[in-house]
Amino acid sequence: MSEIQDYNSKLSDPNSRRFETFSYLPEMSDADVRKQVQYIVDQGWNPAIEHTEPENAFDHYWYMWKLPMFGETDVDAILKEAEACHKAHPEHHVRLIGYDNYRQTQGTAMVIYRGPIDA
């Protein structure tokens, strides 16, 4: 069996903190984010955007950016809303969510814009 890698995340080191599965991978390019949005649409999930201050990312609810985009299938429209949220709150983390109607839960969630992290 291969050795499992340990990620040394610490509260005292904000740069070591992870937010969700994708944060353990290399940073996604714009094309990668587009593919993830397309995946959300292909699954029939409802996209939504949330944001929060970096210092509140772990122990507070995130703020909803508008309402979930029920039935939205235009990838460009979804990306445009995410960018608008980021421009309105450049100091915040911005998270993209795909809500699964059938299971009534989040099908996926990923931070697509990171605010500056203060130590």
PDB file of N, CA and C in Angstrom:
ATOM      1  N   MET A   1       0.847  -1.184   0.000  1.00  0.00           N
ATOM      2  CA  MET A   1       0.000   0.000   0.000  1.00  0.00           C
ATOM      3  C   MET A   1       0.889   1.244   0.000  1.00  0.00           C
ATOM      4  N   SER A   2       0.484   2.240  -0.747  1.00  0.00           N
ATOM      5  CA  SER A   2       1.280   3.465  -0.803  1.00  0.00           C
ATOM      6  C   SER A   2       1.096   4.280   0.473  1.00  0.00           C
ATOM      7  N   GLU A   3       2.066   5.125   0.723  1.00  0.00           N
ATOM      8  CA  GLU A   3       2.006   5.962   1.917  1.00  0.00           C
ATOM      9  C   GLU A   3       1.012   7.101   1.697  1.00  0.00           C
ATOM     10  N   ILE A   4       0.200   7.374   2.693  1.00  0.00           N
ATOM     11  CA  ILE A   4      -0.796   8.442   2.610  1.00  0.00           C
ATOM     12  C   ILE A   4      -0.135   9.747   3.026  1.00  0.00           C
ATOM     13  N   GLN A   5      -0.358  10.771   2.218  1.00  0.00           N
ATOM     14  CA  GLN A   5       0.258  12.065   2.475  1.00  0.00           C
ATOM     15  C   GLN A   5      -0.534  12.823   3.541  1.00  0.00           C
ATOM     16  N   ASP A   6       0.153  13.451   4.455  1.00  0.00           N
ATOM     17  CA  ASP A   6      -0.463  14.267   5.486  1.00  0.00           C
ATOM     18  C   ASP A   6      -0.337  15.732   5.084  1.00  0.00           C
ATOM     19  N   TYR A   7      -1.442  16.457   5.163  1.00  0.00           N
ATOM     20  CA  TYR A   7      -1.417  17.891   4.909  1.00  0.00           C
ATOM     21  C   TYR A   7      -1.385  18.580   6.266  1.00  0.00           C
ATOM     22  N   ASN A   8      -0.311  19.261   6.546  1.00  0.00           N
ATOM     23  CA  ASN A   8      -0.120  19.878   7.852  1.00  0.00           C
ATOM     24  C   ASN A   8      -0.859  21.207   7.946  1.00  0.00           C
ATOM     25  N   SER A   9      -2.168  21.145   8.095  1.00  0.00           N
ATOM     26  CA  SER A   9      -2.976  22.346   8.270  1.00  0.00           C
ATOM     27  C   SER A   9      -2.980  22.749   9.733  1.00  0.00           C
ATOM     28  N   LYS A  10      -2.841  24.057   9.959  1.00  0.00           N
ATOM     29  CA  LYS A  10      -2.819  24.584  11.317  1.00  0.00           C
ATOM     30  C   LYS A  10      -3.622  25.875  11.369  1.00  0.00           C
ATOM     31  N   LEU A  11      -4.314  26.084  12.474  1.00  0.00           N
ATOM     32  CA  LEU A  11      -5.016  27.353  12.651  1.00  0.00           C
ATOM     33  C   LEU A  11      -4.037  28.510  12.683  1.00  0.00           C
ATOM     34  N   SER A  12      -2.846  28.271  13.210  1.00  0.00           N
ATOM     35  CA  SER A  12      -1.848  29.329  13.323  1.00  0.00           C
ATOM     36  C   SER A  12      -1.207  29.694  11.983  1.00  0.00           C
ATOM     37  N   ASP A  13      -1.418  28.878  10.955  1.00  0.00           N
ATOM     38  CA  ASP A  13      -0.850  29.130   9.631  1.00  0.00           C
ATOM     39  C   ASP A  13      -1.976  29.196   8.591  1.00  0.00           C
ATOM     40  N   PRO A  14      -2.538  30.396   8.350  1.00  0.00           N
ATOM     41  CA  PRO A  14      -3.675  30.515   7.428  1.00  0.00           C
ATOM     42  C   PRO A  14      -3.398  29.973   6.026  1.00  0.00           C
ATOM     43  N   ASN A  15      -2.155  30.027   5.581  1.00  0.00           N
ATOM     44  CA  ASN A  15      -1.846  29.530   4.236  1.00  0.00           C
ATOM     45  C   ASN A  15      -1.902  28.012   4.130  1.00  0.00           C
ATOM     46  N   SER A  16      -1.932  27.328   5.250  1.00  0.00           N
ATOM     47  CA  SER A  16      -1.983  25.867   5.225  1.00  0.00           C
ATOM     48  C   SER A  16      -3.410  25.330   5.217  1.00  0.00           C
ATOM     49  N   ARG A  17      -4.388  26.172   5.430  1.00  0.00           N
ATOM     50  CA  ARG A  17      -5.775  25.735   5.578  1.00  0.00           C
ATOM     51  C   ARG A  17      -6.378  25.286   4.247  1.00  0.00           C
ATOM     52  N   ARG A  18      -7.212  24.255   4.323  1.00  0.00           N
ATOM     53  CA  ARG A  18      -7.893  23.714   3.157  1.00  0.00           C
ATOM     54  C   ARG A  18      -9.390  23.934   3.325  1.00  0.00           C
ATOM     55  N   PHE A  19     -10.097  24.122   2.196  1.00  0.00           N
ATOM     56  CA  PHE A  19     -11.508  24.479   2.252  1.00  0.00           C
ATOM     57  C   PHE A  19     -12.435  23.367   1.784  1.00  0.00           C
ATOM     58  N   GLU A  20     -11.989  22.556   0.884  1.00  0.00           N
ATOM     59  CA  GLU A  20     -12.796  21.469   0.339  1.00  0.00           C
ATOM     60  C   GLU A  20     -11.882  20.595  -0.498  1.00  0.00           C
ATOM     61  N   THR A  21     -12.416  19.571  -1.103  1.00  0.00           N
ATOM     62  CA  THR A  21     -11.612  18.592  -1.827  1.00  0.00           C
ATOM     63  C   THR A  21     -10.670  19.236  -2.844  1.00  0.00           C
ATOM     64  N   PHE A  22     -11.164  20.176  -3.635  1.00  0.00           N
ATOM     65  CA  PHE A  22     -10.337  20.763  -4.690  1.00  0.00           C
ATOM     66  C   PHE A  22      -9.170  21.583  -4.147  1.00  0.00           C
ATOM     67  N   SER A  23      -9.247  22.024  -2.908  1.00  0.00           N
ATOM     68  CA  SER A  23      -8.157  22.846  -2.372  1.00  0.00           C
ATOM     69  C   SER A  23      -6.896  22.036  -2.116  1.00  0.00           C
ATOM     70  N   TYR A  24      -6.996  20.721  -2.166  1.00  0.00           N
ATOM     71  CA  TYR A  24      -5.815  19.873  -2.012  1.00  0.00           C
ATOM     72  C   TYR A  24      -5.109  19.648  -3.351  1.00  0.00           C
ATOM     73  N   LEU A  25      -5.713  20.098  -4.419  1.00  0.00           N
ATOM     74  CA  LEU A  25      -5.146  19.954  -5.757  1.00  0.00           C
ATOM     75  C   LEU A  25      -4.504  21.263  -6.181  1.00  0.00           C
ATOM     76  N   PRO A  26      -3.714  21.240  -7.249  1.00  0.00           N
ATOM     77  CA  PRO A  26      -3.177  22.508  -7.760  1.00  0.00           C
ATOM     78  C   PRO A  26      -4.328  23.453  -8.122  1.00  0.00           C
ATOM     79  N   GLU A  27      -4.062  24.747  -8.075  1.00  0.00           N
ATOM     80  CA  GLU A  27      -5.094  25.745  -8.371  1.00  0.00           C
ATOM     81  C   GLU A  27      -5.683  25.508  -9.756  1.00  0.00           C
ATOM     82  N   MET A  28      -7.006  25.633  -9.849  1.00  0.00           N
ATOM     83  CA  MET A  28      -7.692  25.409 -11.130  1.00  0.00           C
ATOM     84  C   MET A  28      -7.533  26.630 -12.036  1.00  0.00           C
ATOM     85  N   SER A  29      -7.347  26.364 -13.314  1.00  0.00           N
ATOM     86  CA  SER A  29      -7.309  27.430 -14.308  1.00  0.00           C
ATOM     87  C   SER A  29      -8.751  27.850 -14.616  1.00  0.00           C
ATOM     88  N   ASP A  30      -8.901  28.915 -15.381  1.00  0.00           N
ATOM     89  CA  ASP A  30     -10.242  29.338 -15.801  1.00  0.00           C
ATOM     90  C   ASP A  30     -10.937  28.230 -16.585  1.00  0.00           C
ATOM     91  N   ALA A  31     -10.184  27.519 -17.414  1.00  0.00           N
ATOM     92  CA  ALA A  31     -10.764  26.416 -18.198  1.00  0.00           C
ATOM     93  C   ALA A  31     -11.221  25.285 -17.273  1.00  0.00           C
ATOM     94  N   ASP A  32     -10.455  25.017 -16.216  1.00  0.00           N
ATOM     95  CA  ASP A  32     -10.844  23.982 -15.255  1.00  0.00           C
ATOM     96  C   ASP A  32     -12.128  24.364 -14.520  1.00  0.00           C
ATOM     97  N   VAL A  33     -12.227  25.628 -14.107  1.00  0.00           N
ATOM     98  CA  VAL A  33     -13.437  26.098 -13.426  1.00  0.00           C
ATOM     99  C   VAL A  33     -14.627  25.979 -14.372  1.00  0.00           C
ATOM    100  N   ARG A  34     -14.425  26.350 -15.637  1.00  0.00           N
ATOM    101  CA  ARG A  34     -15.498  26.237 -16.638  1.00  0.00           C
ATOM    102  C   ARG A  34     -15.971  24.788 -16.755  1.00  0.00           C
ATOM    103  N   LYS A  35     -15.040  23.845 -16.736  1.00  0.00           N
ATOM    104  CA  LYS A  35     -15.412  22.425 -16.816  1.00  0.00           C
ATOM    105  C   LYS A  35     -16.236  22.008 -15.603  1.00  0.00           C
ATOM    106  N   GLN A  36     -15.888  22.534 -14.433  1.00  0.00           N
ATOM    107  CA  GLN A  36     -16.651  22.206 -13.236  1.00  0.00           C
ATOM    108  C   GLN A  36     -18.065  22.789 -13.300  1.00  0.00           C
ATOM    109  N   VAL A  37     -18.182  24.008 -13.808  1.00  0.00           N
ATOM    110  CA  VAL A  37     -19.512  24.607 -13.983  1.00  0.00           C
ATOM    111  C   VAL A  37     -20.316  23.786 -14.984  1.00  0.00           C
ATOM    112  N   GLN A  38     -19.678  23.357 -16.067  1.00  0.00           N
ATOM    113  CA  GLN A  38     -20.368  22.527 -17.063  1.00  0.00           C
ATOM    114  C   GLN A  38     -20.824  21.216 -16.429  1.00  0.00           C
ATOM    115  N   TYR A  39     -20.017  20.649 -15.555  1.00  0.00           N
ATOM    116  CA  TYR A  39     -20.384  19.417 -14.862  1.00  0.00           C
ATOM    117  C   TYR A  39     -21.631  19.640 -14.002  1.00  0.00           C
ATOM    118  N   ILE A  40     -21.675  20.764 -13.274  1.00  0.00           N
ATOM    119  CA  ILE A  40     -22.850  21.092 -12.464  1.00  0.00           C
ATOM    120  C   ILE A  40     -24.094  21.162 -13.334  1.00  0.00           C
ATOM    121  N   VAL A  41     -23.975  21.840 -14.465  1.00  0.00           N
ATOM    122  CA  VAL A  41     -25.104  21.963 -15.398  1.00  0.00           C
ATOM    123  C   VAL A  41     -25.492  20.598 -15.955  1.00  0.00           C
ATOM    124  N   ASP A  42     -24.509  19.800 -16.350  1.00  0.00           N
ATOM    125  CA  ASP A  42     -24.778  18.478 -16.921  1.00  0.00           C
ATOM    126  C   ASP A  42     -25.476  17.549 -15.929  1.00  0.00           C
ATOM    127  N   GLN A  43     -25.217  17.732 -14.636  1.00  0.00           N
ATOM    128  CA  GLN A  43     -25.864  16.908 -13.611  1.00  0.00           C
ATOM    129  C   GLN A  43     -27.292  17.367 -13.325  1.00  0.00           C
ATOM    130  N   GLY A  44     -27.663  18.526 -13.851  1.00  0.00           N
ATOM    131  CA  GLY A  44     -28.988  19.082 -13.575  1.00  0.00           C
ATOM    132  C   GLY A  44     -29.069  19.755 -12.212  1.00  0.00           C
ATOM    133  N   TRP A  45     -27.898  20.069 -11.627  1.00  0.00           N
ATOM    134  CA  TRP A  45     -27.864  20.706 -10.323  1.00  0.00           C
ATOM    135  C   TRP A  45     -28.061  22.209 -10.469  1.00  0.00           C
ATOM    136  N   ASN A  46     -28.511  22.851  -9.416  1.00  0.00           N
ATOM    137  CA  ASN A  46     -28.706  24.296  -9.413  1.00  0.00           C
ATOM    138  C   ASN A  46     -27.457  24.977  -8.866  1.00  0.00           C
ATOM    139  N   PRO A  47     -26.828  25.834  -9.664  1.00  0.00           N
ATOM    140  CA  PRO A  47     -25.630  26.528  -9.188  1.00  0.00           C
ATOM    141  C   PRO A  47     -25.998  27.644  -8.210  1.00  0.00           C
ATOM    142  N   ALA A  48     -25.097  27.886  -7.289  1.00  0.00           N
ATOM    143  CA  ALA A  48     -25.233  28.989  -6.342  1.00  0.00           C
ATOM    144  C   ALA A  48     -23.840  29.502  -6.011  1.00  0.00           C
ATOM    145  N   ILE A  49     -23.790  30.738  -5.565  1.00  0.00           N
ATOM    146  CA  ILE A  49     -22.510  31.364  -5.235  1.00  0.00           C
ATOM    147  C   ILE A  49     -22.599  31.913  -3.823  1.00  0.00           C
ATOM    148  N   GLU A  50     -21.556  31.654  -3.040  1.00  0.00           N
ATOM    149  CA  GLU A  50     -21.455  32.169  -1.679  1.00  0.00           C
ATOM    150  C   GLU A  50     -20.101  32.846  -1.511  1.00  0.00           C
ATOM    151  N   HIS A  51     -20.009  33.709  -0.498  1.00  0.00           N
ATOM    152  CA  HIS A  51     -18.738  34.381  -0.223  1.00  0.00           C
ATOM    153  C   HIS A  51     -18.615  34.645   1.270  1.00  0.00           C
ATOM    154  N   THR A  52     -17.390  34.805   1.738  1.00  0.00           N
ATOM    155  CA  THR A  52     -17.136  35.150   3.134  1.00  0.00           C
ATOM    156  C   THR A  52     -15.724  35.703   3.280  1.00  0.00           C
ATOM    157  N   GLU A  53     -15.505  36.335   4.406  1.00  0.00           N
ATOM    158  CA  GLU A  53     -14.169  36.820   4.733  1.00  0.00           C
ATOM    159  C   GLU A  53     -13.276  35.612   5.015  1.00  0.00           C
ATOM    160  N   PRO A  54     -12.014  35.642   4.599  1.00  0.00           N
ATOM    161  CA  PRO A  54     -11.130  34.495   4.836  1.00  0.00           C
ATOM    162  C   PRO A  54     -11.063  34.063   6.302  1.00  0.00           C
ATOM    163  N   GLU A  55     -11.082  35.018   7.217  1.00  0.00           N
ATOM    164  CA  GLU A  55     -10.981  34.652   8.631  1.00  0.00           C
ATOM    165  C   GLU A  55     -12.244  33.968   9.160  1.00  0.00           C
ATOM    166  N   ASN A  56     -13.350  34.057   8.423  1.00  0.00           N
ATOM    167  CA  ASN A  56     -14.603  33.427   8.843  1.00  0.00           C
ATOM    168  C   ASN A  56     -14.938  32.162   8.052  1.00  0.00           C
ATOM    169  N   ALA A  57     -14.046  31.718   7.222  1.00  0.00           N
ATOM    170  CA  ALA A  57     -14.356  30.612   6.308  1.00  0.00           C
ATOM    171  C   ALA A  57     -14.645  29.293   7.007  1.00  0.00           C
ATOM    172  N   PHE A  58     -14.150  29.114   8.219  1.00  0.00           N
ATOM    173  CA  PHE A  58     -14.276  27.816   8.874  1.00  0.00           C
ATOM    174  C   PHE A  58     -15.353  27.743   9.939  1.00  0.00           C
ATOM    175  N   ASP A  59     -15.691  28.871  10.544  1.00  0.00           N
ATOM    176  CA  ASP A  59     -16.610  28.783  11.678  1.00  0.00           C
ATOM    177  C   ASP A  59     -17.832  29.694  11.560  1.00  0.00           C
ATOM    178  N   HIS A  60     -18.143  30.131  10.367  1.00  0.00           N
ATOM    179  CA  HIS A  60     -19.316  30.967  10.127  1.00  0.00           C
ATOM    180  C   HIS A  60     -20.039  30.475   8.874  1.00  0.00           C
ATOM    181  N   TYR A  61     -21.327  30.787   8.795  1.00  0.00           N
ATOM    182  CA  TYR A  61     -22.035  30.552   7.545  1.00  0.00           C
ATOM    183  C   TYR A  61     -21.511  31.512   6.496  1.00  0.00           C
ATOM    184  N   TRP A  62     -21.497  31.064   5.260  1.00  0.00           N
ATOM    185  CA  TRP A  62     -21.077  31.925   4.168  1.00  0.00           C
ATOM    186  C   TRP A  62     -22.288  32.731   3.697  1.00  0.00           C
ATOM    187  N   TYR A  63     -22.029  33.929   3.147  1.00  0.00           N
ATOM    188  CA  TYR A  63     -23.103  34.788   2.643  1.00  0.00           C
ATOM    189  C   TYR A  63     -23.528  34.293   1.259  1.00  0.00           C
ATOM    190  N   MET A  64     -24.821  34.261   1.031  1.00  0.00           N
ATOM    191  CA  MET A  64     -25.340  33.872  -0.288  1.00  0.00           C
ATOM    192  C   MET A  64     -25.233  35.083  -1.213  1.00  0.00           C
ATOM    193  N   TRP A  65     -24.704  34.859  -2.412  1.00  0.00           N
ATOM    194  CA  TRP A  65     -24.679  35.895  -3.443  1.00  0.00           C
ATOM    195  C   TRP A  65     -25.965  35.719  -4.246  1.00  0.00           C
ATOM    196  N   LYS A  66     -26.898  36.606  -4.025  1.00  0.00           N
ATOM    197  CA  LYS A  66     -28.215  36.524  -4.653  1.00  0.00           C
ATOM    198  C   LYS A  66     -28.870  35.197  -4.270  1.00  0.00           C
ATOM    199  N   LEU A  67     -29.797  34.725  -5.060  1.00  0.00           N
ATOM    200  CA  LEU A  67     -30.445  33.436  -4.819  1.00  0.00           C
ATOM    201  C   LEU A  67     -29.751  32.363  -5.651  1.00  0.00           C
ATOM    202  N   PRO A  68     -29.931  31.088  -5.308  1.00  0.00           N
ATOM    203  CA  PRO A  68     -29.417  30.044  -6.211  1.00  0.00           C
ATOM    204  C   PRO A  68     -29.988  30.250  -7.606  1.00  0.00           C
ATOM    205  N   MET A  69     -29.238  29.862  -8.612  1.00  0.00           N
ATOM    206  CA  MET A  69     -29.640  30.075 -10.005  1.00  0.00           C
ATOM    207  C   MET A  69     -30.447  28.865 -10.487  1.00  0.00           C
ATOM    208  N   PHE A  70     -31.667  28.759  -9.972  1.00  0.00           N
ATOM    209  CA  PHE A  70     -32.528  27.622 -10.271  1.00  0.00           C
ATOM    210  C   PHE A  70     -32.727  27.458 -11.769  1.00  0.00           C
ATOM    211  N   GLY A  71     -32.359  26.308 -12.288  1.00  0.00           N
ATOM    212  CA  GLY A  71     -32.580  25.995 -13.699  1.00  0.00           C
ATOM    213  C   GLY A  71     -31.618  26.640 -14.669  1.00  0.00           C
ATOM    214  N   GLU A  72     -30.630  27.365 -14.190  1.00  0.00           N
ATOM    215  CA  GLU A  72     -29.677  28.024 -15.092  1.00  0.00           C
ATOM    216  C   GLU A  72     -28.788  26.987 -15.764  1.00  0.00           C
ATOM    217  N   THR A  73     -28.715  27.058 -17.084  1.00  0.00           N
ATOM    218  CA  THR A  73     -27.883  26.118 -17.845  1.00  0.00           C
ATOM    219  C   THR A  73     -26.811  26.821 -18.677  1.00  0.00           C
ATOM    220  N   ASP A  74     -26.762  28.131 -18.621  1.00  0.00           N
ATOM    221  CA  ASP A  74     -25.775  28.895 -19.385  1.00  0.00           C
ATOM    222  C   ASP A  74     -24.501  29.043 -18.547  1.00  0.00           C
ATOM    223  N   VAL A  75     -23.467  28.327 -18.931  1.00  0.00           N
ATOM    224  CA  VAL A  75     -22.201  28.340 -18.196  1.00  0.00           C
ATOM    225  C   VAL A  75     -21.644  29.755 -18.103  1.00  0.00           C
ATOM    226  N   ASP A  76     -21.731  30.520 -19.180  1.00  0.00           N
ATOM    227  CA  ASP A  76     -21.210  31.884 -19.166  1.00  0.00           C
ATOM    228  C   ASP A  76     -21.952  32.763 -18.171  1.00  0.00           C
ATOM    229  N   ALA A  77     -23.260  32.595 -18.052  1.00  0.00           N
ATOM    230  CA  ALA A  77     -24.047  33.381 -17.091  1.00  0.00           C
ATOM    231  C   ALA A  77     -23.634  33.044 -15.657  1.00  0.00           C
ATOM    232  N   ILE A  78     -23.374  31.784 -15.386  1.00  0.00           N
ATOM    233  CA  ILE A  78     -22.952  31.357 -14.049  1.00  0.00           C
ATOM    234  C   ILE A  78     -21.577  31.936 -13.725  1.00  0.00           C
ATOM    235  N   LEU A  79     -20.656  31.836 -14.664  1.00  0.00           N
ATOM    236  CA  LEU A  79     -19.317  32.382 -14.460  1.00  0.00           C
ATOM    237  C   LEU A  79     -19.355  33.900 -14.296  1.00  0.00           C
ATOM    238  N   LYS A  80     -20.255  34.557 -15.024  1.00  0.00           N
ATOM    239  CA  LYS A  80     -20.402  36.015 -14.925  1.00  0.00           C
ATOM    240  C   LYS A  80     -20.865  36.410 -13.522  1.00  0.00           C
ATOM    241  N   GLU A  81     -21.783  35.653 -12.941  1.00  0.00           N
ATOM    242  CA  GLU A  81     -22.245  35.930 -11.577  1.00  0.00           C
ATOM    243  C   GLU A  81     -21.127  35.710 -10.563  1.00  0.00           C
ATOM    244  N   ALA A  82     -20.344  34.657 -10.745  1.00  0.00           N
ATOM    245  CA  ALA A  82     -19.224  34.394  -9.838  1.00  0.00           C
ATOM    246  C   ALA A  82     -18.215  35.535  -9.901  1.00  0.00           C
ATOM    247  N   GLU A  83     -17.937  36.006 -11.101  1.00  0.00           N
ATOM    248  CA  GLU A  83     -17.004  37.117 -11.268  1.00  0.00           C
ATOM    249  C   GLU A  83     -17.571  38.401 -10.665  1.00  0.00           C
ATOM    250  N   ALA A  84     -18.880  38.623 -10.819  1.00  0.00           N
ATOM    251  CA  ALA A  84     -19.515  39.814 -10.234  1.00  0.00           C
ATOM    252  C   ALA A  84     -19.409  39.782  -8.709  1.00  0.00           C
ATOM    253  N   CYS A  85     -19.594  38.616  -8.122  1.00  0.00           N
ATOM    254  CA  CYS A  85     -19.450  38.463  -6.676  1.00  0.00           C
ATOM    255  C   CYS A  85     -18.017  38.774  -6.264  1.00  0.00           C
ATOM    256  N   HIS A  86     -17.067  38.242  -7.003  1.00  0.00           N
ATOM    257  CA  HIS A  86     -15.649  38.485  -6.696  1.00  0.00           C
ATOM    258  C   HIS A  86     -15.302  39.971  -6.817  1.00  0.00           C
ATOM    259  N   LYS A  87     -15.823  40.635  -7.824  1.00  0.00           N
ATOM    260  CA  LYS A  87     -15.546  42.068  -7.994  1.00  0.00           C
ATOM    261  C   LYS A  87     -16.192  42.890  -6.879  1.00  0.00           C
ATOM    262  N   ALA A  88     -17.385  42.475  -6.434  1.00  0.00           N
ATOM    263  CA  ALA A  88     -18.073  43.194  -5.359  1.00  0.00           C
ATOM    264  C   ALA A  88     -17.411  42.958  -4.003  1.00  0.00           C
ATOM    265  N   HIS A  89     -16.764  41.802  -3.859  1.00  0.00           N
ATOM    266  CA  HIS A  89     -16.131  41.431  -2.588  1.00  0.00           C
ATOM    267  C   HIS A  89     -14.723  40.875  -2.846  1.00  0.00           C
ATOM    268  N   PRO A  90     -13.797  41.712  -3.320  1.00  0.00           N
ATOM    269  CA  PRO A  90     -12.468  41.212  -3.707  1.00  0.00           C
ATOM    270  C   PRO A  90     -11.649  40.657  -2.540  1.00  0.00           C
ATOM    271  N   GLU A  91     -11.994  41.004  -1.318  1.00  0.00           N
ATOM    272  CA  GLU A  91     -11.265  40.522  -0.147  1.00  0.00           C
ATOM    273  C   GLU A  91     -11.830  39.199   0.385  1.00  0.00           C
ATOM    274  N   HIS A  92     -12.888  38.680  -0.242  1.00  0.00           N
ATOM    275  CA  HIS A  92     -13.558  37.476   0.244  1.00  0.00           C
ATOM    276  C   HIS A  92     -13.181  36.239  -0.570  1.00  0.00           C
ATOM    277  N   HIS A  93     -13.367  35.085   0.047  1.00  0.00           N
ATOM    278  CA  HIS A  93     -13.357  33.827  -0.700  1.00  0.00           C
ATOM    279  C   HIS A  93     -14.720  33.714  -1.382  1.00  0.00           C
ATOM    280  N   VAL A  94     -14.730  33.198  -2.600  1.00  0.00           N
ATOM    281  CA  VAL A  94     -15.980  32.982  -3.338  1.00  0.00           C
ATOM    282  C   VAL A  94     -16.081  31.497  -3.650  1.00  0.00           C
ATOM    283  N   ARG A  95     -17.224  30.929  -3.298  1.00  0.00           N
ATOM    284  CA  ARG A  95     -17.435  29.484  -3.458  1.00  0.00           C
ATOM    285  C   ARG A  95     -18.582  29.234  -4.438  1.00  0.00           C
ATOM    286  N   LEU A  96     -18.372  28.285  -5.337  1.00  0.00           N
ATOM    287  CA  LEU A  96     -19.393  27.829  -6.273  1.00  0.00           C
ATOM    288  C   LEU A  96     -19.971  26.522  -5.748  1.00  0.00           C
ATOM    289  N   ILE A  97     -21.291  26.426  -5.726  1.00  0.00           N
ATOM    290  CA  ILE A  97     -21.982  25.244  -5.211  1.00  0.00           C
ATOM    291  C   ILE A  97     -22.910  24.717  -6.285  1.00  0.00           C
ATOM    292  N   GLY A  98     -23.054  23.401  -6.340  1.00  0.00           N
ATOM    293  CA  GLY A  98     -24.055  22.753  -7.182  1.00  0.00           C
ATOM    294  C   GLY A  98     -25.038  22.023  -6.279  1.00  0.00           C
ATOM    295  N   TYR A  99     -26.273  22.534  -6.173  1.00  0.00           N
ATOM    296  CA  TYR A  99     -27.287  21.905  -5.329  1.00  0.00           C
ATOM    297  C   TYR A  99     -28.001  20.800  -6.102  1.00  0.00           C
ATOM    298  N   ASP A 100     -28.047  19.634  -5.498  1.00  0.00           N
ATOM    299  CA  ASP A 100     -28.710  18.464  -6.072  1.00  0.00           C
ATOM    300  C   ASP A 100     -30.156  18.436  -5.560  1.00  0.00           C
ATOM    301  N   ASN A 101     -31.110  18.727  -6.446  1.00  0.00           N
ATOM    302  CA  ASN A 101     -32.531  18.758  -6.057  1.00  0.00           C
ATOM    303  C   ASN A 101     -33.010  17.403  -5.557  1.00  0.00           C
ATOM    304  N   TYR A 102     -32.572  16.362  -6.226  1.00  0.00           N
ATOM    305  CA  TYR A 102     -33.064  15.025  -5.932  1.00  0.00           C
ATOM    306  C   TYR A 102     -32.645  14.587  -4.530  1.00  0.00           C
ATOM    307  N   ARG A 103     -31.389  14.755  -4.212  1.00  0.00           N
ATOM    308  CA  ARG A 103     -30.881  14.355  -2.890  1.00  0.00           C
ATOM    309  C   ARG A 103     -31.050  15.444  -1.836  1.00  0.00           C
ATOM    310  N   GLN A 104     -31.426  16.640  -2.288  1.00  0.00           N
ATOM    311  CA  GLN A 104     -31.613  17.808  -1.433  1.00  0.00           C
ATOM    312  C   GLN A 104     -30.370  18.096  -0.588  1.00  0.00           C
ATOM    313  N   THR A 105     -29.252  18.154  -1.273  1.00  0.00           N
ATOM    314  CA  THR A 105     -27.977  18.435  -0.626  1.00  0.00           C
ATOM    315  C   THR A 105     -27.043  19.082  -1.649  1.00  0.00           C
ATOM    316  N   GLN A 106     -25.856  19.439  -1.212  1.00  0.00           N
ATOM    317  CA  GLN A 106     -24.853  19.951  -2.143  1.00  0.00           C
ATOM    318  C   GLN A 106     -24.239  18.781  -2.893  1.00  0.00           C
ATOM    319  N   GLY A 107     -24.261  18.855  -4.212  1.00  0.00           N
ATOM    320  CA  GLY A 107     -23.592  17.843  -5.021  1.00  0.00           C
ATOM    321  C   GLY A 107     -22.106  18.125  -5.112  1.00  0.00           C
ATOM    322  N   THR A 108     -21.759  19.408  -5.091  1.00  0.00           N
ATOM    323  CA  THR A 108     -20.357  19.825  -5.123  1.00  0.00           C
ATOM    324  C   THR A 108     -20.236  21.242  -4.573  1.00  0.00           C
ATOM    325  N   ALA A 109     -19.067  21.566  -4.110  1.00  0.00           N
ATOM    326  CA  ALA A 109     -18.750  22.924  -3.649  1.00  0.00           C
ATOM    327  C   ALA A 109     -17.251  23.128  -3.795  1.00  0.00           C
ATOM    328  N   MET A 110     -16.874  24.289  -4.272  1.00  0.00           N
ATOM    329  CA  MET A 110     -15.449  24.575  -4.463  1.00  0.00           C
ATOM    330  C   MET A 110     -15.194  26.072  -4.378  1.00  0.00           C
ATOM    331  N   VAL A 111     -14.101  26.446  -3.763  1.00  0.00           N
ATOM    332  CA  VAL A 111     -13.681  27.841  -3.709  1.00  0.00           C
ATOM    333  C   VAL A 111     -13.033  28.157  -5.054  1.00  0.00           C
ATOM    334  N   ILE A 112     -13.579  29.155  -5.743  1.00  0.00           N
ATOM    335  CA  ILE A 112     -13.039  29.493  -7.067  1.00  0.00           C
ATOM    336  C   ILE A 112     -12.272  30.814  -7.070  1.00  0.00           C
ATOM    337  N   TYR A 113     -12.471  31.637  -6.041  1.00  0.00           N
ATOM    338  CA  TYR A 113     -11.670  32.849  -5.845  1.00  0.00           C
ATOM    339  C   TYR A 113     -11.279  32.876  -4.369  1.00  0.00           C
ATOM    340  N   ARG A 114     -10.021  33.149  -4.106  1.00  0.00           N
ATOM    341  CA  ARG A 114      -9.546  33.232  -2.723  1.00  0.00           C
ATOM    342  C   ARG A 114      -9.212  34.681  -2.397  1.00  0.00           C
ATOM    343  N   GLY A 115      -9.690  35.131  -1.256  1.00  0.00           N
ATOM    344  CA  GLY A 115      -9.316  36.448  -0.770  1.00  0.00           C
ATOM    345  C   GLY A 115      -7.928  36.385  -0.172  1.00  0.00           C
ATOM    346  N   PRO A 116      -7.336  37.529   0.100  1.00  0.00           N
ATOM    347  CA  PRO A 116      -6.003  37.531   0.720  1.00  0.00           C
ATOM    348  C   PRO A 116      -6.081  36.950   2.125  1.00  0.00           C
ATOM    349  N   ILE A 117      -5.089  36.175   2.495  1.00  0.00           N
ATOM    350  CA  ILE A 117      -5.056  35.510   3.798  1.00  0.00           C
ATOM    351  C   ILE A 117      -4.029  36.214   4.666  1.00  0.00           C
ATOM    352  N   ASP A 118      -4.481  36.748   5.798  1.00  0.00           N
ATOM    353  CA  ASP A 118      -3.575  37.394   6.761  1.00  0.00           C
ATOM    354  C   ASP A 118      -3.162  36.366   7.811  1.00  0.00           C
ATOM    355  N   ALA A 119      -1.911  36.394   8.173  1.00  0.00           N
ATOM    356  CA  ALA A 119      -1.406  35.459   9.191  1.00  0.00           C
ATOM    357  C   ALA A 119      -1.849  35.866  10.571  1.00  0.00           C
TER     358      ALA A 119
END
